[in-house]
């Protein structure tokens, strides 16, 4: 294999997503321990399923606004007090 090239799996290879989603993309993300615990709980122990389900719930609730420092600070203040 040439350096810098990822090995491609054969179409249909690997474990199928439990929620029946057809095409998935592999990403490397950093999640804090509390977030990891919540996402795994949502996914019944499956982190990827938890992430997809949390994203669906956010979209269904209409909460898809991008991250802003102002919104983050307001959330931190609500948690503290």
N, C-alpha and C. Protein backbone atom coordinates (compact mmCIF):
# COMPACT_ATOMS: atom_id res chain seq x y z
N UNK A 1 0.86 -1.18 0.00
CA UNK A 1 0.00 0.00 0.00
C UNK A 1 0.89 1.23 0.00
N UNK A 2 0.53 2.21 -0.79
CA UNK A 2 1.31 3.45 -0.86
C UNK A 2 1.11 4.27 0.40
N UNK A 3 2.15 4.97 0.81
CA UNK A 3 2.08 5.81 2.00
C UNK A 3 1.03 6.91 1.83
N UNK A 4 0.25 7.13 2.87
CA UNK A 4 -0.73 8.21 2.85
C UNK A 4 -2.08 7.83 2.27
N UNK A 5 -2.21 6.61 1.75
CA UNK A 5 -3.49 6.18 1.19
C UNK A 5 -4.18 5.23 2.14
N UNK A 6 -5.44 5.47 2.42
CA UNK A 6 -6.21 4.59 3.30
C UNK A 6 -6.70 3.40 2.49
N UNK A 7 -6.71 2.25 3.12
CA UNK A 7 -7.21 1.05 2.47
C UNK A 7 -8.73 1.14 2.37
N UNK A 8 -9.25 0.88 1.21
CA UNK A 8 -10.70 0.93 1.00
C UNK A 8 -11.30 -0.46 1.20
N UNK A 9 -12.40 -0.51 1.92
CA UNK A 9 -13.09 -1.78 2.10
C UNK A 9 -13.93 -2.08 0.86
N UNK A 10 -14.19 -3.34 0.67
CA UNK A 10 -15.05 -3.74 -0.43
C UNK A 10 -16.47 -3.28 -0.13
N UNK A 11 -17.23 -2.90 -1.16
CA UNK A 11 -18.63 -2.50 -0.93
C UNK A 11 -19.38 -3.58 -0.17
N UNK A 12 -20.08 -3.18 0.89
CA UNK A 12 -20.85 -4.12 1.68
C UNK A 12 -20.07 -4.79 2.79
N UNK A 13 -18.78 -4.52 2.90
CA UNK A 13 -17.96 -5.14 3.94
C UNK A 13 -18.17 -4.43 5.27
N UNK A 14 -17.91 -5.11 6.36
CA UNK A 14 -18.00 -4.51 7.68
C UNK A 14 -19.38 -4.67 8.31
N UNK A 15 -19.49 -4.17 9.52
CA UNK A 15 -20.73 -4.27 10.28
C UNK A 15 -21.74 -3.27 9.75
N UNK A 16 -22.97 -3.71 9.56
CA UNK A 16 -24.03 -2.83 9.08
C UNK A 16 -24.57 -1.98 10.23
N UNK A 17 -24.83 -0.69 10.02
CA UNK A 17 -25.39 0.17 11.06
C UNK A 17 -26.74 -0.36 11.54
N UNK A 18 -26.95 -0.35 12.86
CA UNK A 18 -28.18 -0.89 13.45
C UNK A 18 -29.41 -0.09 13.05
N UNK A 19 -29.24 1.19 12.72
CA UNK A 19 -30.38 2.03 12.39
C UNK A 19 -30.71 2.01 10.91
N UNK A 20 -30.01 1.16 10.15
CA UNK A 20 -30.33 0.98 8.74
C UNK A 20 -29.84 2.07 7.81
N UNK A 21 -29.05 3.02 8.32
CA UNK A 21 -28.54 4.08 7.46
C UNK A 21 -27.66 3.43 6.40
N UNK A 22 -27.77 3.93 5.17
CA UNK A 22 -27.06 3.31 4.05
C UNK A 22 -25.60 3.67 3.96
N UNK A 23 -25.29 4.93 3.82
CA UNK A 23 -23.91 5.36 3.63
C UNK A 23 -23.43 6.12 4.85
N UNK A 24 -22.27 5.74 5.35
CA UNK A 24 -21.70 6.43 6.50
C UNK A 24 -20.30 6.93 6.15
N UNK A 25 -19.84 7.94 6.86
CA UNK A 25 -18.50 8.48 6.66
C UNK A 25 -17.73 8.34 7.96
N UNK A 26 -16.48 7.93 7.86
CA UNK A 26 -15.64 7.77 9.04
C UNK A 26 -15.01 9.12 9.38
N UNK A 27 -15.11 9.52 10.66
CA UNK A 27 -14.54 10.78 11.14
C UNK A 27 -13.85 10.53 12.47
N UNK A 28 -12.85 11.32 12.77
CA UNK A 28 -12.17 11.26 14.04
C UNK A 28 -12.58 12.49 14.83
N UNK A 29 -13.24 12.32 15.97
CA UNK A 29 -13.71 13.45 16.77
C UNK A 29 -13.20 13.34 18.19
N UNK A 30 -13.18 14.46 18.88
CA UNK A 30 -12.79 14.48 20.29
C UNK A 30 -14.04 14.81 21.11
N UNK A 31 -14.36 13.94 22.06
CA UNK A 31 -15.57 14.09 22.87
C UNK A 31 -15.17 14.03 24.34
N UNK A 32 -15.69 14.94 25.14
CA UNK A 32 -15.40 14.93 26.57
C UNK A 32 -16.08 13.72 27.21
N UNK A 33 -15.62 13.28 28.38
CA UNK A 33 -16.17 12.07 29.01
C UNK A 33 -17.68 12.12 29.25
N UNK A 34 -18.20 13.28 29.66
CA UNK A 34 -19.64 13.38 29.90
C UNK A 34 -20.42 13.22 28.60
N UNK A 35 -19.95 13.85 27.54
CA UNK A 35 -20.60 13.72 26.24
C UNK A 35 -20.54 12.30 25.72
N UNK A 36 -19.40 11.65 25.90
CA UNK A 36 -19.24 10.27 25.48
C UNK A 36 -20.23 9.36 26.20
N UNK A 37 -20.37 9.56 27.49
CA UNK A 37 -21.31 8.75 28.27
C UNK A 37 -22.75 8.92 27.77
N UNK A 38 -23.13 10.16 27.50
CA UNK A 38 -24.50 10.43 27.03
C UNK A 38 -24.73 9.81 25.66
N UNK A 39 -23.78 10.02 24.74
CA UNK A 39 -23.95 9.50 23.38
C UNK A 39 -23.98 7.98 23.35
N UNK A 40 -23.15 7.33 24.18
CA UNK A 40 -23.19 5.86 24.25
C UNK A 40 -24.51 5.39 24.86
N UNK A 41 -25.04 6.13 25.83
CA UNK A 41 -26.33 5.76 26.43
C UNK A 41 -27.44 5.87 25.39
N UNK A 42 -27.44 6.96 24.63
CA UNK A 42 -28.45 7.13 23.58
C UNK A 42 -28.38 5.99 22.57
N UNK A 43 -27.14 5.57 22.25
CA UNK A 43 -26.95 4.51 21.26
C UNK A 43 -26.96 3.11 21.83
N UNK A 44 -27.35 2.94 23.10
CA UNK A 44 -27.40 1.61 23.69
C UNK A 44 -26.03 0.94 23.72
N UNK A 45 -24.99 1.74 23.99
CA UNK A 45 -23.63 1.24 24.04
C UNK A 45 -22.86 1.41 22.75
N UNK A 46 -23.52 1.86 21.70
CA UNK A 46 -22.89 2.05 20.39
C UNK A 46 -22.72 3.55 20.16
N UNK A 47 -21.48 4.02 20.20
CA UNK A 47 -21.21 5.45 20.07
C UNK A 47 -21.69 6.01 18.74
N UNK A 48 -21.39 5.33 17.64
CA UNK A 48 -21.80 5.83 16.32
C UNK A 48 -23.31 5.96 16.21
N UNK A 49 -24.02 4.97 16.71
CA UNK A 49 -25.48 5.02 16.69
C UNK A 49 -25.98 6.17 17.56
N UNK A 50 -25.35 6.39 18.72
CA UNK A 50 -25.73 7.48 19.60
C UNK A 50 -25.53 8.84 18.96
N UNK A 51 -24.43 9.00 18.23
CA UNK A 51 -24.17 10.27 17.54
C UNK A 51 -25.23 10.51 16.48
N UNK A 52 -25.51 9.49 15.66
CA UNK A 52 -26.52 9.66 14.60
C UNK A 52 -27.90 9.95 15.19
N UNK A 53 -28.26 9.24 16.27
CA UNK A 53 -29.58 9.45 16.89
C UNK A 53 -29.67 10.84 17.52
N UNK A 54 -28.60 11.30 18.18
CA UNK A 54 -28.60 12.64 18.77
C UNK A 54 -28.75 13.70 17.67
N UNK A 55 -28.08 13.49 16.54
CA UNK A 55 -28.20 14.44 15.42
C UNK A 55 -29.62 14.45 14.89
N UNK A 56 -30.24 13.28 14.78
CA UNK A 56 -31.65 13.23 14.32
C UNK A 56 -32.56 13.99 15.28
N UNK A 57 -32.36 13.77 16.58
CA UNK A 57 -33.20 14.44 17.58
C UNK A 57 -33.03 15.96 17.52
N UNK A 58 -31.80 16.42 17.34
CA UNK A 58 -31.57 17.86 17.22
C UNK A 58 -32.27 18.42 15.99
N UNK A 59 -32.17 17.70 14.88
CA UNK A 59 -32.83 18.18 13.66
C UNK A 59 -34.35 18.18 13.82
N UNK A 60 -34.89 17.13 14.41
CA UNK A 60 -36.34 17.05 14.63
C UNK A 60 -36.85 18.17 15.53
N UNK A 61 -36.03 18.55 16.52
CA UNK A 61 -36.45 19.61 17.45
C UNK A 61 -36.19 21.00 16.87
N UNK A 62 -35.49 21.06 15.73
CA UNK A 62 -35.20 22.34 15.11
C UNK A 62 -33.98 23.04 15.69
N UNK A 63 -33.24 22.35 16.55
CA UNK A 63 -32.07 22.96 17.20
C UNK A 63 -30.81 22.62 16.41
N UNK A 64 -30.64 23.28 15.27
CA UNK A 64 -29.47 23.03 14.42
C UNK A 64 -28.64 24.30 14.22
N UNK A 65 -28.80 25.27 15.13
CA UNK A 65 -28.01 26.50 15.03
C UNK A 65 -26.55 26.17 15.26
N UNK A 66 -25.68 26.84 14.52
CA UNK A 66 -24.25 26.58 14.68
C UNK A 66 -23.75 27.06 16.04
N UNK A 67 -22.61 26.54 16.45
CA UNK A 67 -22.00 26.90 17.72
C UNK A 67 -21.64 28.38 17.73
N UNK A 68 -21.99 29.05 18.83
CA UNK A 68 -21.53 30.42 19.05
C UNK A 68 -21.03 30.52 20.49
N UNK A 69 -20.05 31.36 20.70
CA UNK A 69 -19.50 31.54 22.04
C UNK A 69 -20.57 32.09 22.99
N UNK A 70 -21.42 32.99 22.49
CA UNK A 70 -22.48 33.59 23.31
C UNK A 70 -23.44 32.51 23.81
N UNK A 71 -23.86 31.63 22.92
CA UNK A 71 -24.79 30.56 23.29
C UNK A 71 -24.11 29.60 24.28
N UNK A 72 -22.84 29.30 24.05
CA UNK A 72 -22.10 28.41 24.93
C UNK A 72 -21.98 29.01 26.34
N UNK A 73 -21.66 30.29 26.42
CA UNK A 73 -21.54 30.96 27.72
C UNK A 73 -22.89 30.96 28.45
N UNK A 74 -23.97 31.20 27.74
CA UNK A 74 -25.30 31.20 28.35
C UNK A 74 -25.62 29.81 28.91
N UNK A 75 -25.25 28.78 28.19
CA UNK A 75 -25.49 27.41 28.65
C UNK A 75 -24.68 27.12 29.92
N UNK A 76 -23.40 27.54 29.92
CA UNK A 76 -22.55 27.34 31.11
C UNK A 76 -23.14 28.05 32.32
N UNK A 77 -23.66 29.25 32.13
CA UNK A 77 -24.24 30.01 33.24
C UNK A 77 -25.50 29.36 33.76
N UNK A 78 -26.31 28.77 32.89
CA UNK A 78 -27.52 28.08 33.32
C UNK A 78 -27.21 26.82 34.11
N UNK A 79 -26.14 26.13 33.77
CA UNK A 79 -25.74 24.91 34.47
C UNK A 79 -25.25 25.25 35.87
N UNK A 80 -24.51 26.34 36.01
CA UNK A 80 -23.94 26.73 37.31
C UNK A 80 -25.00 27.23 38.28
N UNK A 81 -25.98 27.93 37.77
CA UNK A 81 -26.88 28.58 38.70
C UNK A 81 -28.27 28.28 38.44
